[in-house]
């Protein structure tokens, strides 16, 4: 005779709830993993966010001073826009890339991952009328540097991670992820008001055109460049400087 073991109804209900919870968690993780990199959620879309990089091509970007994207030096790998930088010989480096469009007032967010001795950055208010050396552009810069292995960490140098390069040093207690991990950057431009954020902390704030701004400009490397930082709009630029650097989740929201 076969004896069938019966579970108490309450135990059956508990087991069913546990199974449903496990299925929900697995599905949620799967959805988040598949849609997380380089995507816009329904809420972000409603708020006005757009992808500045689509996560798979070079559409919307070009080499500075050129009409096309660089033929070498930049690749798409593991959902990231990768600048190979100094990992390549100079003859194969692609130079800086800029957005096809210009932007005036905006909020820009991006993830970035760097190697030791990093010397990258994202520039804004780029105008190609101001000529720099080939492959480079002139504009305000969100510095992406390895403070531990790069000599720009002296008190008199406004050249550290998250700084408005050579103008405003980022706060000393900024939260920086270890090398090889993803950091999250944010740039806010609203009229003359400028902000830099790093991993959720505001690290720079200044009014462009203020007395403080011009005093800093007067002692910066840009002091003799006529028109630097004076443009009301411009391209957004990602540098080709230093070793390999990776970027993803590059999104922009235009501020009316």
C-alpha atoms as a PDB file:
ATOM      1  CA  UNK A   1       0.000   0.000   0.000  1.00  0.00           C
ATOM      2  CA  UNK A   2       1.374   3.451  -1.008  1.00  0.00           C
ATOM      3  CA  UNK A   3       1.079   6.112   1.650  1.00  0.00           C
ATOM      4  CA  UNK A   4       0.946   9.651   0.241  1.00  0.00           C
ATOM      5  CA  UNK A   5       2.232  12.382   2.466  1.00  0.00           C
ATOM      6  CA  UNK A   6      -0.076  15.353   2.525  1.00  0.00           C
ATOM      7  CA  UNK A   7       1.051  18.878   3.381  1.00  0.00           C
ATOM      8  CA  UNK A   8      -0.991  21.076   5.628  1.00  0.00           C
ATOM      9  CA  UNK A   9      -2.868  23.753   3.591  1.00  0.00           C
ATOM     10  CA  UNK A  10      -0.970  26.559   5.328  1.00  0.00           C
ATOM     11  CA  UNK A  11       2.374  24.971   4.388  1.00  0.00           C
ATOM     12  CA  UNK A  12       1.192  24.709   0.784  1.00  0.00           C
ATOM     13  CA  UNK A  13       0.351  28.407   0.735  1.00  0.00           C
ATOM     14  CA  UNK A  14       3.725  29.351   2.265  1.00  0.00           C
ATOM     15  CA  UNK A  15       5.576  27.222  -0.307  1.00  0.00           C
ATOM     16  CA  UNK A  16       3.595  28.782  -3.143  1.00  0.00           C
ATOM     17  CA  UNK A  17       4.381  32.301  -1.900  1.00  0.00           C
ATOM     18  CA  UNK A  18       8.097  31.458  -1.635  1.00  0.00           C
ATOM     19  CA  UNK A  19       8.115  30.075  -5.190  1.00  0.00           C
ATOM     20  CA  UNK A  20       6.361  33.176  -6.526  1.00  0.00           C
ATOM     21  CA  UNK A  21       8.854  35.461  -4.765  1.00  0.00           C
ATOM     22  CA  UNK A  22      11.817  33.547  -6.199  1.00  0.00           C
ATOM     23  CA  UNK A  23      10.357  33.698  -9.728  1.00  0.00           C
ATOM     24  CA  UNK A  24       9.702  37.453  -9.348  1.00  0.00           C
ATOM     25  CA  UNK A  25      13.259  38.169  -8.177  1.00  0.00           C
ATOM     26  CA  UNK A  26      14.798  36.140 -11.008  1.00  0.00           C
ATOM     27  CA  UNK A  27      12.629  37.851 -13.621  1.00  0.00           C
ATOM     28  CA  UNK A  28      13.375  41.279 -12.185  1.00  0.00           C
ATOM     29  CA  UNK A  29      17.118  40.648 -12.290  1.00  0.00           C
ATOM     30  CA  UNK A  30      16.874  39.413 -15.853  1.00  0.00           C
ATOM     31  CA  UNK A  31      14.913  42.476 -16.953  1.00  0.00           C
ATOM     32  CA  UNK A  32      17.258  44.906 -15.218  1.00  0.00           C
ATOM     33  CA  UNK A  33      20.332  43.203 -16.646  1.00  0.00           C
ATOM     34  CA  UNK A  34      19.029  43.205 -20.191  1.00  0.00           C
ATOM     35  CA  UNK A  35      17.847  46.795 -20.230  1.00  0.00           C
ATOM     36  CA  UNK A  36      20.330  48.528 -17.943  1.00  0.00           C
ATOM     37  CA  UNK A  37      23.301  49.531 -20.123  1.00  0.00           C
ATOM     38  CA  UNK A  38      22.743  52.360 -22.598  1.00  0.00           C
ATOM     39  CA  UNK A  39      18.967  52.441 -22.361  1.00  0.00           C
ATOM     40  CA  UNK A  40      16.297  54.967 -21.425  1.00  0.00           C
ATOM     41  CA  UNK A  41      13.570  53.974 -18.999  1.00  0.00           C
ATOM     42  CA  UNK A  42       9.994  55.125 -19.437  1.00  0.00           C
ATOM     43  CA  UNK A  43      10.435  57.504 -16.506  1.00  0.00           C
ATOM     44  CA  UNK A  44      13.641  58.985 -17.954  1.00  0.00           C
ATOM     45  CA  UNK A  45      11.965  59.440 -21.325  1.00  0.00           C
ATOM     46  CA  UNK A  46       9.092  61.247 -19.664  1.00  0.00           C
ATOM     47  CA  UNK A  47      11.610  63.524 -17.922  1.00  0.00           C
ATOM     48  CA  UNK A  48      13.230  64.423 -21.246  1.00  0.00           C
ATOM     49  CA  UNK A  49      16.346  62.259 -21.175  1.00  0.00           C
ATOM     50  CA  UNK A  50      17.902  61.016 -24.420  1.00  0.00           C
ATOM     51  CA  UNK A  51      20.793  58.701 -25.170  1.00  0.00           C
ATOM     52  CA  UNK A  52      23.790  60.667 -26.371  1.00  0.00           C
ATOM     53  CA  UNK A  53      25.445  57.396 -27.367  1.00  0.00           C
ATOM     54  CA  UNK A  54      23.286  54.493 -28.550  1.00  0.00           C
ATOM     55  CA  UNK A  55      25.534  51.759 -27.121  1.00  0.00           C
ATOM     56  CA  UNK A  56      26.281  50.039 -30.441  1.00  0.00           C
ATOM     57  CA  UNK A  57      27.464  52.469 -33.112  1.00  0.00           C
ATOM     58  CA  UNK A  58      29.213  55.813 -33.550  1.00  0.00           C
ATOM     59  CA  UNK A  59      26.094  57.582 -34.801  1.00  0.00           C
ATOM     60  CA  UNK A  60      25.823  61.159 -33.574  1.00  0.00           C
ATOM     61  CA  UNK A  61      29.581  61.549 -33.097  1.00  0.00           C
ATOM     62  CA  UNK A  62      32.508  62.536 -35.305  1.00  0.00           C
ATOM     63  CA  UNK A  63      36.181  63.364 -35.048  1.00  0.00           C
ATOM     64  CA  UNK A  64      36.876  66.947 -34.046  1.00  0.00           C
ATOM     65  CA  UNK A  65      37.645  69.132 -37.096  1.00  0.00           C
ATOM     66  CA  UNK A  66      36.440  66.296 -39.344  1.00  0.00           C
ATOM     67  CA  UNK A  67      33.136  65.225 -40.856  1.00  0.00           C
ATOM     68  CA  UNK A  68      33.530  61.507 -40.149  1.00  0.00           C
ATOM     69  CA  UNK A  69      34.260  59.339 -37.134  1.00  0.00           C
ATOM     70  CA  UNK A  70      37.916  58.318 -36.578  1.00  0.00           C
ATOM     71  CA  UNK A  71      38.970  55.232 -38.519  1.00  0.00           C
ATOM     72  CA  UNK A  72      40.887  53.839 -35.546  1.00  0.00           C
ATOM     73  CA  UNK A  73      41.434  54.411 -31.854  1.00  0.00           C
ATOM     74  CA  UNK A  74      37.809  53.958 -30.768  1.00  0.00           C
ATOM     75  CA  UNK A  75      35.835  50.723 -30.442  1.00  0.00           C
ATOM     76  CA  UNK A  76      32.573  49.413 -28.988  1.00  0.00           C
ATOM     77  CA  UNK A  77      33.214  46.596 -26.525  1.00  0.00           C
ATOM     78  CA  UNK A  78      31.050  45.031 -23.810  1.00  0.00           C
ATOM     79  CA  UNK A  79      28.405  47.790 -24.035  1.00  0.00           C
ATOM     80  CA  UNK A  80      31.080  50.475 -23.649  1.00  0.00           C
ATOM     81  CA  UNK A  81      32.464  53.190 -25.894  1.00  0.00           C
ATOM     82  CA  UNK A  82      36.194  52.606 -25.559  1.00  0.00           C
ATOM     83  CA  UNK A  83      38.999  55.032 -26.295  1.00  0.00           C
ATOM     84  CA  UNK A  84      42.116  52.888 -26.702  1.00  0.00           C
ATOM     85  CA  UNK A  85      44.309  55.945 -26.177  1.00  0.00           C
ATOM     86  CA  UNK A  86      47.940  55.428 -25.307  1.00  0.00           C
ATOM     87  CA  UNK A  87      47.484  51.656 -25.573  1.00  0.00           C
ATOM     88  CA  UNK A  88      47.996  52.328 -29.298  1.00  0.00           C
ATOM     89  CA  UNK A  89      50.948  53.903 -31.118  1.00  0.00           C
ATOM     90  CA  UNK A  90      50.375  57.589 -31.893  1.00  0.00           C
ATOM     91  CA  UNK A  91      49.879  56.811 -35.586  1.00  0.00           C
ATOM     92  CA  UNK A  92      46.771  54.753 -34.809  1.00  0.00           C
ATOM     93  CA  UNK A  93      45.137  57.013 -32.221  1.00  0.00           C
ATOM     94  CA  UNK A  94      41.853  58.522 -33.328  1.00  0.00           C
ATOM     95  CA  UNK A  95      41.870  61.823 -31.478  1.00  0.00           C
ATOM     96  CA  UNK A  96      38.989  63.430 -29.619  1.00  0.00           C
ATOM     97  CA  UNK A  97      35.401  62.868 -30.701  1.00  0.00           C
ATOM     98  CA  UNK A  98      32.552  65.380 -30.502  1.00  0.00           C
ATOM     99  CA  UNK A  99      28.789  65.300 -30.781  1.00  0.00           C
ATOM    100  CA  UNK A 100      27.361  66.232 -34.144  1.00  0.00           C
ATOM    101  CA  UNK A 101      24.898  68.516 -32.373  1.00  0.00           C
ATOM    102  CA  UNK A 102      25.634  71.536 -30.214  1.00  0.00           C
ATOM    103  CA  UNK A 103      24.131  72.024 -26.753  1.00  0.00           C
ATOM    104  CA  UNK A 104      23.477  75.111 -24.636  1.00  0.00           C
ATOM    105  CA  UNK A 105      21.720  74.346 -21.341  1.00  0.00           C
ATOM    106  CA  UNK A 106      21.728  70.703 -20.376  1.00  0.00           C
ATOM    107  CA  UNK A 107      22.259  67.980 -17.828  1.00  0.00           C
ATOM    108  CA  UNK A 108      24.698  65.294 -18.942  1.00  0.00           C
ATOM    109  CA  UNK A 109      25.288  61.985 -17.149  1.00  0.00           C
ATOM    110  CA  UNK A 110      27.791  59.264 -17.976  1.00  0.00           C
ATOM    111  CA  UNK A 111      29.581  56.254 -16.520  1.00  0.00           C
ATOM    112  CA  UNK A 112      33.326  55.921 -16.954  1.00  0.00           C
ATOM    113  CA  UNK A 113      36.030  53.410 -16.098  1.00  0.00           C
ATOM    114  CA  UNK A 114      39.742  54.193 -16.111  1.00  0.00           C
ATOM    115  CA  UNK A 115      43.185  52.603 -15.773  1.00  0.00           C
ATOM    116  CA  UNK A 116      46.238  53.730 -13.790  1.00  0.00           C
ATOM    117  CA  UNK A 117      47.664  57.087 -14.920  1.00  0.00           C
ATOM    118  CA  UNK A 118      44.331  58.054 -16.530  1.00  0.00           C
ATOM    119  CA  UNK A 119      44.229  61.496 -18.123  1.00  0.00           C
ATOM    120  CA  UNK A 120      40.871  61.688 -19.852  1.00  0.00           C
ATOM    121  CA  UNK A 121      37.990  64.122 -19.672  1.00  0.00           C
ATOM    122  CA  UNK A 122      34.692  65.313 -21.104  1.00  0.00           C
ATOM    123  CA  UNK A 123      34.637  68.839 -22.482  1.00  0.00           C
ATOM    124  CA  UNK A 124      31.698  71.097 -23.257  1.00  0.00           C
ATOM    125  CA  UNK A 125      31.134  74.420 -25.043  1.00  0.00           C
ATOM    126  CA  UNK A 126      33.467  73.129 -27.751  1.00  0.00           C
ATOM    127  CA  UNK A 127      33.666  75.452 -30.745  1.00  0.00           C
ATOM    128  CA  UNK A 128      35.911  74.414 -33.601  1.00  0.00           C
ATOM    129  CA  UNK A 129      36.716  78.034 -34.393  1.00  0.00           C
ATOM    130  CA  UNK A 130      39.146  77.784 -31.487  1.00  0.00           C
ATOM    131  CA  UNK A 131      41.844  75.595 -32.945  1.00  0.00           C
ATOM    132  CA  UNK A 132      43.919  73.334 -30.732  1.00  0.00           C
ATOM    133  CA  UNK A 133      46.529  70.798 -31.773  1.00  0.00           C
ATOM    134  CA  UNK A 134      45.263  68.020 -34.080  1.00  0.00           C
ATOM    135  CA  UNK A 135      42.911  65.623 -32.317  1.00  0.00           C
ATOM    136  CA  UNK A 136      42.259  68.009 -29.432  1.00  0.00           C
ATOM    137  CA  UNK A 137      39.634  70.650 -28.674  1.00  0.00           C
ATOM    138  CA  UNK A 138      39.303  73.682 -26.417  1.00  0.00           C
ATOM    139  CA  UNK A 139      36.476  74.010 -23.926  1.00  0.00           C
ATOM    140  CA  UNK A 140      35.443  73.596 -20.307  1.00  0.00           C
ATOM    141  CA  UNK A 141      36.441  70.173 -19.037  1.00  0.00           C
ATOM    142  CA  UNK A 142      35.169  67.630 -16.543  1.00  0.00           C
ATOM    143  CA  UNK A 143      38.522  66.093 -15.588  1.00  0.00           C
ATOM    144  CA  UNK A 144      38.798  62.306 -15.492  1.00  0.00           C
ATOM    145  CA  UNK A 145      42.152  61.644 -13.854  1.00  0.00           C
ATOM    146  CA  UNK A 146      43.872  59.038 -11.704  1.00  0.00           C
ATOM    147  CA  UNK A 147      44.705  61.230  -8.715  1.00  0.00           C
ATOM    148  CA  UNK A 148      46.833  58.511  -7.112  1.00  0.00           C
ATOM    149  CA  UNK A 149      49.167  58.035 -10.065  1.00  0.00           C
ATOM    150  CA  UNK A 150      49.052  61.424 -11.787  1.00  0.00           C
ATOM    151  CA  UNK A 151      50.927  64.524 -10.569  1.00  0.00           C
ATOM    152  CA  UNK A 152      47.873  66.795 -10.623  1.00  0.00           C
ATOM    153  CA  UNK A 153      47.032  66.502  -6.949  1.00  0.00           C
ATOM    154  CA  UNK A 154      48.975  69.439  -5.539  1.00  0.00           C
ATOM    155  CA  UNK A 155      46.990  72.120  -3.660  1.00  0.00           C
ATOM    156  CA  UNK A 156      47.823  74.713  -6.324  1.00  0.00           C
ATOM    157  CA  UNK A 157      46.675  72.486  -9.186  1.00  0.00           C
ATOM    158  CA  UNK A 158      42.996  72.482 -10.098  1.00  0.00           C
ATOM    159  CA  UNK A 159      43.504  69.243 -12.001  1.00  0.00           C
ATOM    160  CA  UNK A 160      41.985  66.319 -10.124  1.00  0.00           C
ATOM    161  CA  UNK A 161      39.163  63.874 -10.746  1.00  0.00           C
ATOM    162  CA  UNK A 162      35.881  65.722 -11.252  1.00  0.00           C
ATOM    163  CA  UNK A 163      37.470  69.186 -11.310  1.00  0.00           C
ATOM    164  CA  UNK A 164      36.635  71.919 -13.786  1.00  0.00           C
ATOM    165  CA  UNK A 165      40.072  71.398 -15.259  1.00  0.00           C
ATOM    166  CA  UNK A 166      42.595  74.067 -14.278  1.00  0.00           C
ATOM    167  CA  UNK A 167      39.795  76.294 -12.983  1.00  0.00           C
ATOM    168  CA  UNK A 168      37.974  74.793  -9.977  1.00  0.00           C
ATOM    169  CA  UNK A 169      39.367  71.893  -7.963  1.00  0.00           C
ATOM    170  CA  UNK A 170      36.864  69.204  -6.983  1.00  0.00           C
ATOM    171  CA  UNK A 171      36.229  68.856  -3.242  1.00  0.00           C
ATOM    172  CA  UNK A 172      38.807  66.728  -1.440  1.00  0.00           C
ATOM    173  CA  UNK A 173      36.300  64.273   0.079  1.00  0.00           C
ATOM    174  CA  UNK A 174      34.835  63.283  -3.276  1.00  0.00           C
ATOM    175  CA  UNK A 175      33.815  59.620  -3.622  1.00  0.00           C
ATOM    176  CA  UNK A 176      36.016  57.912  -6.223  1.00  0.00           C
ATOM    177  CA  UNK A 177      35.638  54.242  -7.122  1.00  0.00           C
ATOM    178  CA  UNK A 178      38.740  52.027  -7.296  1.00  0.00           C
ATOM    179  CA  UNK A 179      40.512  51.800 -10.643  1.00  0.00           C
ATOM    180  CA  UNK A 180      38.728  49.375 -12.953  1.00  0.00           C
ATOM    181  CA  UNK A 181      35.277  50.055 -11.475  1.00  0.00           C
ATOM    182  CA  UNK A 182      32.552  52.227 -12.987  1.00  0.00           C
ATOM    183  CA  UNK A 183      32.206  55.817 -11.761  1.00  0.00           C
ATOM    184  CA  UNK A 184      29.179  57.998 -12.457  1.00  0.00           C
ATOM    185  CA  UNK A 185      29.678  61.577 -13.605  1.00  0.00           C
ATOM    186  CA  UNK A 186      27.226  64.422 -14.100  1.00  0.00           C
ATOM    187  CA  UNK A 187      27.554  67.890 -15.616  1.00  0.00           C
ATOM    188  CA  UNK A 188      24.884  70.568 -15.186  1.00  0.00           C
ATOM    189  CA  UNK A 189      24.888  73.697 -17.343  1.00  0.00           C
ATOM    190  CA  UNK A 190      22.007  76.117 -16.768  1.00  0.00           C
ATOM    191  CA  UNK A 191      22.768  79.585 -18.066  1.00  0.00           C
ATOM    192  CA  UNK A 192      25.977  80.623 -16.319  1.00  0.00           C
ATOM    193  CA  UNK A 193      25.534  78.082 -13.540  1.00  0.00           C
ATOM    194  CA  UNK A 194      27.917  75.117 -13.756  1.00  0.00           C
ATOM    195  CA  UNK A 195      28.029  71.994 -11.611  1.00  0.00           C
ATOM    196  CA  UNK A 196      30.128  68.831 -11.661  1.00  0.00           C
ATOM    197  CA  UNK A 197      28.970  65.729  -9.778  1.00  0.00           C
ATOM    198  CA  UNK A 198      30.832  62.501  -9.037  1.00  0.00           C
ATOM    199  CA  UNK A 199      29.117  59.354  -7.794  1.00  0.00           C
ATOM    200  CA  UNK A 200      26.199  61.309  -6.365  1.00  0.00           C
ATOM    201  CA  UNK A 201      28.191  64.153  -4.761  1.00  0.00           C
ATOM    202  CA  UNK A 202      28.412  67.713  -6.072  1.00  0.00           C
ATOM    203  CA  UNK A 203      32.138  68.379  -6.339  1.00  0.00           C
ATOM    204  CA  UNK A 204      32.263  71.660  -8.320  1.00  0.00           C
ATOM    205  CA  UNK A 205      29.949  74.669  -8.507  1.00  0.00           C
ATOM    206  CA  UNK A 206      30.658  78.058 -10.073  1.00  0.00           C
ATOM    207  CA  UNK A 207      28.970  80.851 -12.019  1.00  0.00           C
ATOM    208  CA  UNK A 208      30.513  81.354 -15.430  1.00  0.00           C
ATOM    209  CA  UNK A 209      31.195  85.042 -15.988  1.00  0.00           C
ATOM    210  CA  UNK A 210      31.436  85.871 -12.289  1.00  0.00           C
ATOM    211  CA  UNK A 211      34.385  87.729 -10.746  1.00  0.00           C
ATOM    212  CA  UNK A 212      35.552  84.463  -9.189  1.00  0.00           C
ATOM    213  CA  UNK A 213      35.394  82.757 -12.594  1.00  0.00           C
ATOM    214  CA  UNK A 214      37.481  85.431 -14.327  1.00  0.00           C
ATOM    215  CA  UNK A 215      40.012  85.546 -11.503  1.00  0.00           C
ATOM    216  CA  UNK A 216      40.530  81.816 -11.880  1.00  0.00           C
ATOM    217  CA  UNK A 217      40.699  82.113 -15.654  1.00  0.00           C
ATOM    218  CA  UNK A 218      43.398  84.803 -15.364  1.00  0.00           C
ATOM    219  CA  UNK A 219      45.800  82.338 -13.706  1.00  0.00           C
ATOM    220  CA  UNK A 220      44.841  79.253 -15.714  1.00  0.00           C
ATOM    221  CA  UNK A 221      46.448  77.722 -18.800  1.00  0.00           C
ATOM    222  CA  UNK A 222      43.613  79.263 -20.845  1.00  0.00           C
ATOM    223  CA  UNK A 223      44.297  82.894 -19.910  1.00  0.00           C
ATOM    224  CA  UNK A 224      45.786  83.830 -23.296  1.00  0.00           C
ATOM    225  CA  UNK A 225      43.236  81.997 -25.452  1.00  0.00           C
ATOM    226  CA  UNK A 226      40.814  84.627 -26.704  1.00  0.00           C
ATOM    227  CA  UNK A 227      37.215  83.446 -26.532  1.00  0.00           C
ATOM    228  CA  UNK A 228      37.871  80.385 -24.382  1.00  0.00           C
ATOM    229  CA  UNK A 229      34.783  79.526 -22.362  1.00  0.00           C
ATOM    230  CA  UNK A 230      32.791  82.439 -23.785  1.00  0.00           C
ATOM    231  CA  UNK A 231      30.600  80.517 -26.212  1.00  0.00           C
ATOM    232  CA  UNK A 232      26.950  80.107 -25.198  1.00  0.00           C
ATOM    233  CA  UNK A 233      26.686  76.671 -26.788  1.00  0.00           C
ATOM    234  CA  UNK A 234      28.944  74.054 -28.302  1.00  0.00           C
ATOM    235  CA  UNK A 235      29.705  70.426 -28.961  1.00  0.00           C
ATOM    236  CA  UNK A 236      30.368  67.871 -26.227  1.00  0.00           C
ATOM    237  CA  UNK A 237      33.774  66.196 -26.527  1.00  0.00           C
ATOM    238  CA  UNK A 238      35.354  63.006 -25.194  1.00  0.00           C
ATOM    239  CA  UNK A 239      39.120  63.188 -25.075  1.00  0.00           C
ATOM    240  CA  UNK A 240      41.669  60.829 -26.534  1.00  0.00           C
ATOM    241  CA  UNK A 241      44.315  61.404 -23.898  1.00  0.00           C
ATOM    242  CA  UNK A 242      46.241  59.019 -21.659  1.00  0.00           C
ATOM    243  CA  UNK A 243      45.593  55.257 -21.493  1.00  0.00           C
ATOM    244  CA  UNK A 244      42.424  53.331 -22.326  1.00  0.00           C
ATOM    245  CA  UNK A 245      39.194  54.795 -20.960  1.00  0.00           C
ATOM    246  CA  UNK A 246      35.656  53.398 -21.205  1.00  0.00           C
ATOM    247  CA  UNK A 247      32.287  55.153 -21.252  1.00  0.00           C
ATOM    248  CA  UNK A 248      28.669  54.011 -21.173  1.00  0.00           C
ATOM    249  CA  UNK A 249      25.170  55.240 -20.242  1.00  0.00           C
ATOM    250  CA  UNK A 250      25.897  58.635 -21.791  1.00  0.00           C
ATOM    251  CA  UNK A 251      22.603  60.531 -21.529  1.00  0.00           C
ATOM    252  CA  UNK A 252      21.563  64.139 -21.932  1.00  0.00           C
ATOM    253  CA  UNK A 253      18.544  66.204 -20.936  1.00  0.00           C
ATOM    254  CA  UNK A 254      18.172  69.590 -22.542  1.00  0.00           C
ATOM    255  CA  UNK A 255      17.138  72.353 -20.127  1.00  0.00           C
ATOM    256  CA  UNK A 256      14.698  74.817 -21.713  1.00  0.00           C
END
